[in-house]
Amino acid sequence: MFRIMKFPAIAMLMAAPFCLQAQGSMGGMAMPTAQASSAPEVGTMAPDFTAQGANQSGTHAVSLSSLRGHVVVLAFYPADRSSGCTHELNKFRDEYSKIFGSDVTVLPISLDSLESHVSWAHDSKFPFTLVADNGGKIASTYGSLMTGRPYASRTVFVIGKDGKIVSRNLKFGALDQHAYDDLTAAIAKAKTE
């Protein structure tokens, strides 16, 4: 009889939401991947959605179509308070003016509950709204739902003022400075279009 208790590290890996790296491989073990083939292409209209979100002030409805005229960043991530996701969203918070600048709406999105988002947004004092994607419908529409897992993959979309996708990164590296540099450049481009 196999006893998982003999291999606690393996048990932890099997239970983890793979937050640090949502795609690729890990020691030969295949990692879950996003459904990249269904991700909307650059130059197409960003699919609209309405969902509940949470920020430091509480909860409210978020509708992508209501943000037309603004540059919007959709940042899908696997799970609240996990190590890679915490690093990413803390970097968004701490370097907000450098990465995003003014007039940009940042919407991190995960399948976590609204209650989880309320707690995390309050504790971390995020200057953006965390969107609760109940059931993964938004992540699925954006090709960001992990295959076979109830988590969003780490993907980032930059949407221009006209509602079209300016940039997409289907393998955003939370610990990779180049990913943040590329995001900053994509936002600057979206602001001028």
N, C-alpha and C. Protein backbone atom coordinates (compact mmCIF):
# COMPACT_ATOMS: atom_id res chain seq x y z
N MET A 1 0.84 -1.18 0.00
CA MET A 1 0.00 0.00 0.00
C MET A 1 0.89 1.25 0.00
N PHE A 2 0.61 2.19 -0.89
CA PHE A 2 1.36 3.43 -1.00
C PHE A 2 0.95 4.37 0.11
N ARG A 3 1.93 4.92 0.79
CA ARG A 3 1.64 5.85 1.89
C ARG A 3 2.23 7.21 1.52
N ILE A 4 1.38 8.15 1.27
CA ILE A 4 1.81 9.49 0.89
C ILE A 4 2.58 10.18 2.00
N MET A 5 2.36 9.76 3.24
CA MET A 5 3.04 10.37 4.38
C MET A 5 4.55 10.16 4.32
N LYS A 6 5.00 9.09 3.61
CA LYS A 6 6.42 8.84 3.50
C LYS A 6 7.08 9.86 2.58
N PHE A 7 6.29 10.54 1.77
CA PHE A 7 6.82 11.47 0.78
C PHE A 7 6.13 12.82 0.90
N PRO A 8 6.33 13.53 2.02
CA PRO A 8 5.60 14.79 2.22
C PRO A 8 5.91 15.84 1.16
N ALA A 9 7.12 15.86 0.62
CA ALA A 9 7.43 16.86 -0.41
C ALA A 9 6.61 16.61 -1.67
N ILE A 10 6.44 15.34 -2.03
CA ILE A 10 5.63 15.01 -3.20
C ILE A 10 4.18 15.36 -2.95
N ALA A 11 3.70 15.10 -1.75
CA ALA A 11 2.31 15.44 -1.41
C ALA A 11 2.08 16.94 -1.52
N MET A 12 3.07 17.72 -1.05
CA MET A 12 2.93 19.17 -1.14
C MET A 12 2.91 19.64 -2.58
N LEU A 13 3.76 19.05 -3.43
CA LEU A 13 3.78 19.43 -4.84
C LEU A 13 2.47 19.09 -5.53
N MET A 14 1.90 17.94 -5.18
CA MET A 14 0.65 17.53 -5.81
C MET A 14 -0.50 18.44 -5.39
N ALA A 15 -0.44 18.98 -4.19
CA ALA A 15 -1.52 19.81 -3.68
C ALA A 15 -1.36 21.29 -4.03
N ALA A 16 -0.16 21.68 -4.41
CA ALA A 16 0.11 23.11 -4.65
C ALA A 16 -0.58 23.60 -5.91
N PRO A 17 -0.94 24.88 -5.94
CA PRO A 17 -1.58 25.44 -7.12
C PRO A 17 -0.59 25.84 -8.20
N PHE A 18 0.66 25.47 -8.06
CA PHE A 18 1.68 25.77 -9.05
C PHE A 18 1.75 27.27 -9.33
N CYS A 19 1.78 28.03 -8.27
CA CYS A 19 1.71 29.48 -8.40
C CYS A 19 2.99 30.10 -8.92
N LEU A 20 4.14 29.58 -8.54
CA LEU A 20 5.37 30.21 -9.00
C LEU A 20 5.55 30.09 -10.50
N GLN A 21 5.18 28.98 -11.08
CA GLN A 21 5.34 28.80 -12.50
C GLN A 21 4.16 27.99 -13.00
N ALA A 22 3.28 28.63 -13.73
CA ALA A 22 2.06 27.98 -14.15
C ALA A 22 2.24 27.11 -15.37
N GLN A 23 3.36 27.23 -16.05
CA GLN A 23 3.57 26.44 -17.25
C GLN A 23 5.01 25.94 -17.27
N GLY A 24 5.25 24.92 -18.07
CA GLY A 24 6.60 24.40 -18.20
C GLY A 24 6.72 23.05 -17.54
N SER A 25 7.90 22.79 -16.99
CA SER A 25 8.10 21.51 -16.33
C SER A 25 8.83 21.73 -15.03
N MET A 26 8.73 20.75 -14.18
CA MET A 26 9.36 20.85 -12.87
C MET A 26 9.96 19.50 -12.55
N GLY A 27 11.27 19.40 -12.69
CA GLY A 27 11.94 18.15 -12.37
C GLY A 27 11.39 16.98 -13.17
N GLY A 28 11.03 17.20 -14.44
CA GLY A 28 10.50 16.14 -15.26
C GLY A 28 9.01 15.94 -15.12
N MET A 29 8.41 16.55 -14.09
CA MET A 29 6.98 16.40 -13.89
C MET A 29 6.24 17.45 -14.71
N ALA A 30 5.31 17.04 -15.54
CA ALA A 30 4.58 17.98 -16.38
C ALA A 30 3.73 18.90 -15.52
N MET A 31 3.78 20.17 -15.83
CA MET A 31 2.99 21.16 -15.11
C MET A 31 1.71 21.42 -15.90
N PRO A 32 0.64 21.80 -15.24
CA PRO A 32 -0.58 22.14 -15.95
C PRO A 32 -0.34 23.36 -16.83
N THR A 33 -1.01 23.41 -17.95
CA THR A 33 -0.83 24.53 -18.87
C THR A 33 -2.15 25.22 -19.12
N ALA A 34 -2.06 26.45 -19.58
CA ALA A 34 -3.25 27.20 -19.96
C ALA A 34 -3.72 26.70 -21.31
N GLN A 35 -4.94 27.04 -21.64
CA GLN A 35 -5.52 26.68 -22.93
C GLN A 35 -5.18 27.79 -23.93
N ALA A 36 -3.89 27.95 -24.22
CA ALA A 36 -3.40 29.08 -25.01
C ALA A 36 -4.07 29.18 -26.37
N SER A 37 -4.47 28.06 -26.94
CA SER A 37 -5.07 28.10 -28.28
C SER A 37 -6.39 28.86 -28.28
N SER A 38 -7.04 28.98 -27.12
CA SER A 38 -8.31 29.70 -27.06
C SER A 38 -8.16 31.14 -26.57
N ALA A 39 -6.92 31.58 -26.34
CA ALA A 39 -6.68 32.95 -25.88
C ALA A 39 -6.95 33.93 -27.01
N PRO A 40 -7.64 35.03 -26.73
CA PRO A 40 -7.89 36.02 -27.78
C PRO A 40 -6.58 36.61 -28.30
N GLU A 41 -6.56 36.89 -29.57
CA GLU A 41 -5.36 37.38 -30.25
C GLU A 41 -5.18 38.88 -30.07
N VAL A 42 -3.93 39.32 -30.20
CA VAL A 42 -3.63 40.75 -30.22
C VAL A 42 -4.36 41.36 -31.42
N GLY A 43 -4.98 42.51 -31.21
CA GLY A 43 -5.71 43.20 -32.27
C GLY A 43 -7.20 42.92 -32.28
N THR A 44 -7.64 41.92 -31.50
CA THR A 44 -9.06 41.61 -31.42
C THR A 44 -9.68 42.30 -30.21
N MET A 45 -11.00 42.44 -30.23
CA MET A 45 -11.70 43.03 -29.08
C MET A 45 -11.57 42.09 -27.88
N ALA A 46 -11.28 42.68 -26.74
CA ALA A 46 -11.20 41.89 -25.50
C ALA A 46 -12.60 41.44 -25.12
N PRO A 47 -12.79 40.16 -24.84
CA PRO A 47 -14.11 39.69 -24.43
C PRO A 47 -14.58 40.39 -23.15
N ASP A 48 -15.81 40.86 -23.19
CA ASP A 48 -16.37 41.57 -22.04
C ASP A 48 -16.72 40.58 -20.93
N PHE A 49 -16.75 41.06 -19.72
CA PHE A 49 -17.20 40.27 -18.57
C PHE A 49 -17.68 41.23 -17.50
N THR A 50 -18.52 40.72 -16.62
CA THR A 50 -18.94 41.42 -15.42
C THR A 50 -18.77 40.45 -14.27
N ALA A 51 -18.12 40.90 -13.20
CA ALA A 51 -17.87 40.05 -12.04
C ALA A 51 -17.76 40.92 -10.80
N GLN A 52 -17.69 40.27 -9.66
CA GLN A 52 -17.51 40.99 -8.40
C GLN A 52 -16.01 41.12 -8.11
N GLY A 53 -15.65 42.27 -7.56
CA GLY A 53 -14.26 42.51 -7.21
C GLY A 53 -14.15 43.08 -5.82
N ALA A 54 -12.93 43.07 -5.30
CA ALA A 54 -12.68 43.59 -3.95
C ALA A 54 -11.43 44.45 -3.96
N ASN A 55 -11.52 45.56 -3.23
CA ASN A 55 -10.35 46.38 -2.98
C ASN A 55 -10.35 46.77 -1.51
N GLN A 56 -9.48 47.69 -1.13
CA GLN A 56 -9.38 48.07 0.29
C GLN A 56 -10.69 48.61 0.85
N SER A 57 -11.52 49.18 -0.02
CA SER A 57 -12.77 49.80 0.43
C SER A 57 -13.95 48.85 0.53
N GLY A 58 -13.82 47.66 -0.04
CA GLY A 58 -14.93 46.71 -0.01
C GLY A 58 -15.13 46.04 -1.36
N THR A 59 -16.37 45.68 -1.65
CA THR A 59 -16.68 44.95 -2.88
C THR A 59 -17.51 45.81 -3.83
N HIS A 60 -17.42 45.48 -5.11
CA HIS A 60 -18.21 46.17 -6.13
C HIS A 60 -18.18 45.36 -7.42
N ALA A 61 -19.12 45.66 -8.30
CA ALA A 61 -19.16 44.99 -9.60
C ALA A 61 -18.10 45.60 -10.51
N VAL A 62 -17.50 44.76 -11.34
CA VAL A 62 -16.50 45.18 -12.31
C VAL A 62 -16.98 44.72 -13.68
N SER A 63 -17.05 45.66 -14.62
CA SER A 63 -17.44 45.33 -15.99
C SER A 63 -16.37 45.88 -16.93
N LEU A 64 -15.79 45.02 -17.76
CA LEU A 64 -14.73 45.46 -18.65
C LEU A 64 -15.23 46.54 -19.62
N SER A 65 -16.44 46.39 -20.15
CA SER A 65 -16.95 47.37 -21.11
C SER A 65 -17.09 48.77 -20.51
N SER A 66 -17.28 48.86 -19.20
CA SER A 66 -17.41 50.17 -18.56
C SER A 66 -16.07 50.90 -18.47
N LEU A 67 -14.98 50.22 -18.76
CA LEU A 67 -13.65 50.81 -18.67
C LEU A 67 -13.13 51.28 -20.03
N ARG A 68 -13.98 51.22 -21.06
CA ARG A 68 -13.58 51.69 -22.38
C ARG A 68 -13.11 53.13 -22.26
N GLY A 69 -12.03 53.46 -22.95
CA GLY A 69 -11.42 54.79 -22.85
C GLY A 69 -10.23 54.80 -21.91
N HIS A 70 -10.00 53.68 -21.20
CA HIS A 70 -8.86 53.53 -20.30
C HIS A 70 -8.02 52.35 -20.77
N VAL A 71 -6.74 52.38 -20.49
CA VAL A 71 -5.90 51.21 -20.68
C VAL A 71 -6.18 50.28 -19.49
N VAL A 72 -6.39 49.00 -19.79
CA VAL A 72 -6.72 48.02 -18.76
C VAL A 72 -5.71 46.88 -18.82
N VAL A 73 -5.26 46.44 -17.67
CA VAL A 73 -4.38 45.27 -17.57
C VAL A 73 -5.14 44.17 -16.83
N LEU A 74 -5.35 43.04 -17.51
CA LEU A 74 -5.93 41.85 -16.87
C LEU A 74 -4.77 40.94 -16.52
N ALA A 75 -4.59 40.64 -15.25
CA ALA A 75 -3.49 39.80 -14.79
C ALA A 75 -4.06 38.57 -14.10
N PHE A 76 -4.21 37.48 -14.84
CA PHE A 76 -4.70 36.23 -14.27
C PHE A 76 -3.58 35.61 -13.42
N TYR A 77 -3.96 35.05 -12.27
CA TYR A 77 -2.98 34.42 -11.39
C TYR A 77 -3.64 33.23 -10.69
N PRO A 78 -2.85 32.24 -10.24
CA PRO A 78 -3.42 31.02 -9.67
C PRO A 78 -4.14 31.15 -8.34
N ALA A 79 -3.54 31.79 -7.32
CA ALA A 79 -4.17 31.72 -6.00
C ALA A 79 -3.73 32.86 -5.08
N ASP A 80 -4.69 33.39 -4.33
CA ASP A 80 -4.40 34.42 -3.32
C ASP A 80 -3.39 33.91 -2.31
N ARG A 81 -2.49 34.79 -1.94
CA ARG A 81 -1.54 34.60 -0.85
C ARG A 81 -0.51 33.49 -1.07
N SER A 82 -0.45 32.89 -2.24
CA SER A 82 0.60 31.92 -2.50
C SER A 82 1.88 32.67 -2.87
N SER A 83 3.01 32.02 -2.80
CA SER A 83 4.29 32.73 -2.86
C SER A 83 4.50 33.53 -4.15
N GLY A 84 4.37 32.91 -5.32
CA GLY A 84 4.59 33.62 -6.57
C GLY A 84 3.57 34.71 -6.81
N CYS A 85 2.33 34.43 -6.46
CA CYS A 85 1.25 35.40 -6.65
C CYS A 85 1.43 36.59 -5.72
N THR A 86 1.87 36.33 -4.50
CA THR A 86 2.13 37.41 -3.57
C THR A 86 3.27 38.28 -4.08
N HIS A 87 4.32 37.65 -4.60
CA HIS A 87 5.44 38.42 -5.16
C HIS A 87 4.95 39.30 -6.31
N GLU A 88 4.18 38.73 -7.22
CA GLU A 88 3.69 39.48 -8.38
C GLU A 88 2.81 40.66 -7.96
N LEU A 89 1.81 40.42 -7.15
CA LEU A 89 0.89 41.50 -6.79
C LEU A 89 1.53 42.53 -5.87
N ASN A 90 2.46 42.10 -5.02
CA ASN A 90 3.20 43.08 -4.22
C ASN A 90 4.07 43.96 -5.11
N LYS A 91 4.66 43.38 -6.14
CA LYS A 91 5.46 44.17 -7.08
C LYS A 91 4.56 45.15 -7.83
N PHE A 92 3.38 44.69 -8.26
CA PHE A 92 2.42 45.60 -8.89
C PHE A 92 2.12 46.77 -7.95
N ARG A 93 1.90 46.48 -6.67
CA ARG A 93 1.59 47.51 -5.69
C ARG A 93 2.78 48.44 -5.46
N ASP A 94 3.94 47.85 -5.19
CA ASP A 94 5.11 48.63 -4.79
C ASP A 94 5.69 49.45 -5.94
N GLU A 95 5.53 48.99 -7.17
CA GLU A 95 6.07 49.70 -8.32
C GLU A 95 4.96 50.16 -9.26
N TYR A 96 3.81 50.46 -8.67
CA TYR A 96 2.62 50.80 -9.46
C TYR A 96 2.90 51.97 -10.42
N SER A 97 3.48 53.05 -9.92
CA SER A 97 3.69 54.22 -10.79
C SER A 97 4.73 53.92 -11.86
N LYS A 98 5.70 53.08 -11.59
CA LYS A 98 6.73 52.74 -12.58
C LYS A 98 6.19 51.79 -13.64
N ILE A 99 5.45 50.77 -13.23
CA ILE A 99 4.95 49.77 -14.18
C ILE A 99 3.73 50.27 -14.94
N PHE A 100 2.77 50.85 -14.23
CA PHE A 100 1.49 51.21 -14.83
C PHE A 100 1.34 52.70 -15.12
N GLY A 101 1.79 53.53 -14.24
CA GLY A 101 1.59 54.96 -14.40
C GLY A 101 0.13 55.35 -14.20
N SER A 102 -0.19 56.56 -14.62
CA SER A 102 -1.56 57.05 -14.39
C SER A 102 -2.52 56.55 -15.46
N ASP A 103 -3.78 56.60 -15.15
CA ASP A 103 -4.87 56.26 -16.07
C ASP A 103 -4.86 54.82 -16.57
N VAL A 104 -4.35 53.90 -15.77
CA VAL A 104 -4.37 52.48 -16.11
C VAL A 104 -5.17 51.76 -15.04
N THR A 105 -6.11 50.91 -15.46
CA THR A 105 -6.88 50.11 -14.52
C THR A 105 -6.28 48.71 -14.51
N VAL A 106 -5.85 48.27 -13.34
CA VAL A 106 -5.24 46.94 -13.18
C VAL A 106 -6.25 46.03 -12.50
N LEU A 107 -6.52 44.89 -13.12
CA LEU A 107 -7.49 43.93 -12.59
C LEU A 107 -6.85 42.55 -12.47
N PRO A 108 -6.23 42.22 -11.33
CA PRO A 108 -5.79 40.85 -11.11
C PRO A 108 -7.02 39.94 -10.94
N ILE A 109 -6.98 38.76 -11.57
CA ILE A 109 -8.13 37.86 -11.60
C ILE A 109 -7.70 36.46 -11.21
N SER A 110 -8.44 35.85 -10.26
CA SER A 110 -8.22 34.45 -9.93
C SER A 110 -9.56 33.80 -9.62
N LEU A 111 -9.53 32.50 -9.43
CA LEU A 111 -10.74 31.76 -9.11
C LEU A 111 -11.04 31.75 -7.62
N ASP A 112 -10.25 32.47 -6.83
CA ASP A 112 -10.49 32.54 -5.39
C ASP A 112 -11.82 33.23 -5.11
N SER A 113 -12.36 33.01 -3.93
CA SER A 113 -13.65 33.59 -3.55
C SER A 113 -13.53 35.09 -3.33
N LEU A 114 -14.65 35.76 -3.40
CA LEU A 114 -14.70 37.19 -3.13
C LEU A 114 -14.22 37.46 -1.70
N GLU A 115 -14.59 36.61 -0.76
CA GLU A 115 -14.19 36.78 0.63
C GLU A 115 -12.67 36.72 0.78
N SER A 116 -12.04 35.80 0.06
CA SER A 116 -10.58 35.71 0.08
C SER A 116 -9.96 36.99 -0.47
N HIS A 117 -10.53 37.49 -1.57
CA HIS A 117 -10.03 38.74 -2.16
C HIS A 117 -10.19 39.92 -1.20
N VAL A 118 -11.32 40.00 -0.53
CA VAL A 118 -11.57 41.10 0.42
C VAL A 118 -10.47 41.11 1.49
N SER A 119 -10.20 39.96 2.06
CA SER A 119 -9.20 39.84 3.12
C SER A 119 -7.81 40.22 2.60
N TRP A 120 -7.43 39.68 1.44
CA TRP A 120 -6.08 39.92 0.91
C TRP A 120 -5.90 41.38 0.48
N ALA A 121 -6.91 41.94 -0.19
CA ALA A 121 -6.82 43.34 -0.63
C ALA A 121 -6.68 44.27 0.57
N HIS A 122 -7.43 43.98 1.63
CA HIS A 122 -7.37 44.81 2.84
C HIS A 122 -6.01 44.68 3.52
N ASP A 123 -5.56 43.44 3.73
CA ASP A 123 -4.29 43.21 4.43
C ASP A 123 -3.09 43.76 3.66
N SER A 124 -3.12 43.66 2.34
CA SER A 124 -1.97 44.06 1.53
C SER A 124 -2.05 45.48 1.00
N LYS A 125 -3.20 46.13 1.22
CA LYS A 125 -3.39 47.52 0.77
C LYS A 125 -3.10 47.69 -0.72
N PHE A 126 -3.66 46.78 -1.51
CA PHE A 126 -3.48 46.86 -2.96
C PHE A 126 -4.21 48.08 -3.52
N PRO A 127 -3.61 48.80 -4.46
CA PRO A 127 -4.27 49.96 -5.07
C PRO A 127 -5.10 49.58 -6.30
N PHE A 128 -5.50 48.33 -6.36
CA PHE A 128 -6.28 47.83 -7.50
C PHE A 128 -7.34 46.86 -6.98
N THR A 129 -8.24 46.47 -7.85
CA THR A 129 -9.34 45.58 -7.50
C THR A 129 -9.01 44.15 -7.90
N LEU A 130 -9.16 43.21 -6.97
CA LEU A 130 -9.01 41.78 -7.25
C LEU A 130 -10.36 41.26 -7.72
N VAL A 131 -10.38 40.62 -8.88
CA VAL A 131 -11.63 40.13 -9.46
C VAL A 131 -11.81 38.65 -9.13
N ALA A 132 -13.00 38.30 -8.64
CA ALA A 132 -13.33 36.91 -8.31
C ALA A 132 -13.97 36.26 -9.53
N ASP A 133 -13.29 35.28 -10.09
CA ASP A 133 -13.76 34.57 -11.28
C ASP A 133 -14.39 33.24 -10.86
N ASN A 134 -15.58 33.33 -10.28
CA ASN A 134 -16.27 32.13 -9.80
C ASN A 134 -16.53 31.16 -10.95
N GLY A 135 -16.02 29.95 -10.80
CA GLY A 135 -16.21 28.93 -11.82
C GLY A 135 -15.23 29.00 -12.97
N GLY A 136 -14.40 30.03 -13.02
CA GLY A 136 -13.37 30.11 -14.06
C GLY A 136 -13.85 30.53 -15.43
N LYS A 137 -15.03 31.13 -15.52
CA LYS A 137 -15.57 31.51 -16.83
C LYS A 137 -14.71 32.56 -17.54
N ILE A 138 -14.24 33.57 -16.79
CA ILE A 138 -13.42 34.61 -17.40
C ILE A 138 -12.08 34.02 -17.85
N ALA A 139 -11.45 33.25 -16.97
CA ALA A 139 -10.17 32.62 -17.31
C ALA A 139 -10.31 31.72 -18.53
N SER A 140 -11.40 30.99 -18.62
CA SER A 140 -11.63 30.13 -19.77
C SER A 140 -11.78 30.94 -21.05
N THR A 141 -12.53 32.04 -20.98
CA THR A 141 -12.73 32.90 -22.14
C THR A 141 -11.40 33.47 -22.65
N TYR A 142 -10.49 33.75 -21.72
CA TYR A 142 -9.19 34.31 -22.09
C TYR A 142 -8.11 33.24 -22.27
N GLY A 143 -8.49 31.97 -22.30
CA GLY A 143 -7.51 30.90 -22.49
C GLY A 143 -6.54 30.77 -21.34
N SER A 144 -6.95 31.22 -20.16
CA SER A 144 -6.07 31.27 -19.00
C SER A 144 -6.43 30.26 -17.92
N LEU A 145 -7.34 29.34 -18.21
CA LEU A 145 -7.70 28.32 -17.24
C LEU A 145 -6.76 27.14 -17.40
N MET A 146 -6.13 26.71 -16.30
CA MET A 146 -5.20 25.58 -16.39
C MET A 146 -5.95 24.33 -16.78
N THR A 147 -5.39 23.59 -17.70
CA THR A 147 -5.97 22.34 -18.14
C THR A 147 -5.97 21.35 -16.98
N GLY A 148 -7.13 20.86 -16.62
CA GLY A 148 -7.25 19.85 -15.57
C GLY A 148 -7.07 20.36 -14.15
N ARG A 149 -7.02 21.67 -13.96
CA ARG A 149 -6.83 22.23 -12.62
C ARG A 149 -7.81 23.38 -12.40
N PRO A 150 -8.28 23.58 -11.18
CA PRO A 150 -9.21 24.69 -10.91
C PRO A 150 -8.48 25.99 -10.57
N TYR A 151 -7.51 26.36 -11.41
CA TYR A 151 -6.74 27.57 -11.19
C TYR A 151 -6.57 28.31 -12.51
N ALA A 152 -6.39 29.63 -12.41
CA ALA A 152 -6.02 30.42 -13.58
C ALA A 152 -4.51 30.32 -13.74
N SER A 153 -4.08 30.31 -14.98
CA SER A 153 -2.66 30.34 -15.30
C SER A 153 -2.18 31.78 -15.23
N ARG A 154 -0.90 31.97 -15.02
CA ARG A 154 -0.35 33.33 -14.93
C ARG A 154 -0.22 33.90 -16.34
N THR A 155 -1.24 34.66 -16.75
CA THR A 155 -1.26 35.30 -18.06
C THR A 155 -1.64 36.77 -17.88
N VAL A 156 -1.14 37.61 -18.77
CA VAL A 156 -1.41 39.05 -18.67
C VAL A 156 -1.82 39.58 -20.04
N PHE A 157 -2.90 40.35 -20.05
CA PHE A 157 -3.40 41.01 -21.26
C PHE A 157 -3.42 42.51 -21.02
N VAL A 158 -2.91 43.26 -22.00
CA VAL A 158 -3.01 44.72 -21.97
C VAL A 158 -4.05 45.10 -23.01
N ILE A 159 -5.05 45.85 -22.57
CA ILE A 159 -6.16 46.23 -23.43
C ILE A 159 -6.13 47.74 -23.64
N GLY A 160 -6.19 48.14 -24.90
CA GLY A 160 -6.13 49.56 -25.23
C GLY A 160 -7.42 50.29 -24.94
N LYS A 161 -7.39 51.60 -25.12
CA LYS A 161 -8.55 52.45 -24.84
C LYS A 161 -9.74 52.11 -25.72
N ASP A 162 -9.48 51.52 -26.89
CA ASP A 162 -10.55 51.15 -27.82
C ASP A 162 -11.15 49.78 -27.51
N GLY A 163 -10.63 49.11 -26.47
CA GLY A 163 -11.14 47.80 -26.09
C GLY A 163 -10.46 46.63 -26.78
N LYS A 164 -9.44 46.93 -27.60
CA LYS A 164 -8.73 45.85 -28.30
C LYS A 164 -7.48 45.45 -27.54
N ILE A 165 -7.11 44.18 -27.68
CA ILE A 165 -5.93 43.64 -27.01
C ILE A 165 -4.68 44.16 -27.71
N VAL A 166 -3.84 44.84 -26.95
CA VAL A 166 -2.59 45.40 -27.47
C VAL A 166 -1.44 44.42 -27.28
N SER A 167 -1.48 43.67 -26.18
CA SER A 167 -0.40 42.75 -25.85
C SER A 167 -0.95 41.61 -25.01
N ARG A 168 -0.33 40.46 -25.14
CA ARG A 168 -0.68 39.34 -24.26
C ARG A 168 0.59 38.56 -23.95
N ASN A 169 0.70 38.11 -22.72
CA ASN A 169 1.82 37.28 -22.29
C ASN A 169 1.20 36.05 -21.65
N LEU A 170 1.28 34.93 -22.35
CA LEU A 170 0.63 33.70 -21.89
C LEU A 170 1.49 32.91 -20.92
N LYS A 171 2.69 33.40 -20.62
CA LYS A 171 3.58 32.75 -19.66
C LYS A 171 4.27 33.81 -18.82
N PHE A 172 3.48 34.67 -18.18
CA PHE A 172 4.06 35.75 -17.39
C PHE A 172 4.88 35.19 -16.24
N GLY A 173 6.13 35.60 -16.15
CA GLY A 173 7.03 35.11 -15.10
C GLY A 173 7.02 36.03 -13.89
N ALA A 174 6.41 35.59 -12.81
CA ALA A 174 6.28 36.42 -11.61
C ALA A 174 7.62 36.82 -11.03
N LEU A 175 8.64 36.01 -11.25
CA LEU A 175 9.96 36.28 -10.69
C LEU A 175 10.95 36.77 -11.75
N ASP A 176 10.47 37.07 -12.95
CA ASP A 176 11.32 37.47 -14.06
C ASP A 176 11.18 38.97 -14.33
N GLN A 177 12.22 39.73 -14.07
CA GLN A 177 12.17 41.18 -14.26
C GLN A 177 11.85 41.55 -15.71
N HIS A 178 12.28 40.72 -16.66
CA HIS A 178 11.99 41.00 -18.07
C HIS A 178 10.48 41.01 -18.34
N ALA A 179 9.73 40.18 -17.63
CA ALA A 179 8.28 40.15 -17.81
C ALA A 179 7.68 41.49 -17.42
N TYR A 180 8.17 42.08 -16.33
CA TYR A 180 7.67 43.39 -15.88
C TYR A 180 8.11 44.50 -16.84
N ASP A 181 9.33 44.40 -17.36
CA ASP A 181 9.81 45.38 -18.34
C ASP A 181 8.96 45.32 -19.61
N ASP A 182 8.66 44.11 -20.08
CA ASP A 182 7.82 43.95 -21.27
C ASP A 182 6.41 44.49 -21.02
N LEU A 183 5.89 44.25 -19.82
CA LEU A 183 4.56 44.76 -19.47
C LEU A 183 4.56 46.28 -19.47
N THR A 184 5.58 46.89 -18.90
CA THR A 184 5.68 48.35 -18.87
C THR A 184 5.71 48.91 -20.29
N ALA A 185 6.46 48.27 -21.18
CA ALA A 185 6.55 48.71 -22.58
C ALA A 185 5.20 48.56 -23.28
N ALA A 186 4.49 47.47 -23.03
CA ALA A 186 3.19 47.24 -23.65
C ALA A 186 2.18 48.28 -23.20
N ILE A 187 2.23 48.66 -21.93
CA ILE A 187 1.33 49.68 -21.40
C ILE A 187 1.64 51.03 -22.03
N ALA A 188 2.93 51.37 -22.15
CA ALA A 188 3.32 52.63 -22.78
C ALA A 188 2.80 52.68 -24.21
N LYS A 189 2.90 51.57 -24.93
CA LYS A 189 2.38 51.51 -26.31
C LYS A 189 0.87 51.71 -26.33
N ALA A 190 0.17 51.05 -25.40
CA ALA A 190 -1.30 51.16 -25.36
C ALA A 190 -1.73 52.58 -25.06
N LYS A 191 -0.96 53.30 -24.27
CA LYS A 191 -1.32 54.68 -23.93
C LYS A 191 -1.22 55.63 -25.14
N THR A 192 -0.35 55.28 -26.09
CA THR A 192 -0.16 56.17 -27.25
C THR A 192 -1.09 55.82 -28.42
N GLU A 193 -1.73 54.69 -28.36
CA GLU A 193 -2.60 54.28 -29.48
C GLU A 193 -4.00 54.81 -29.33
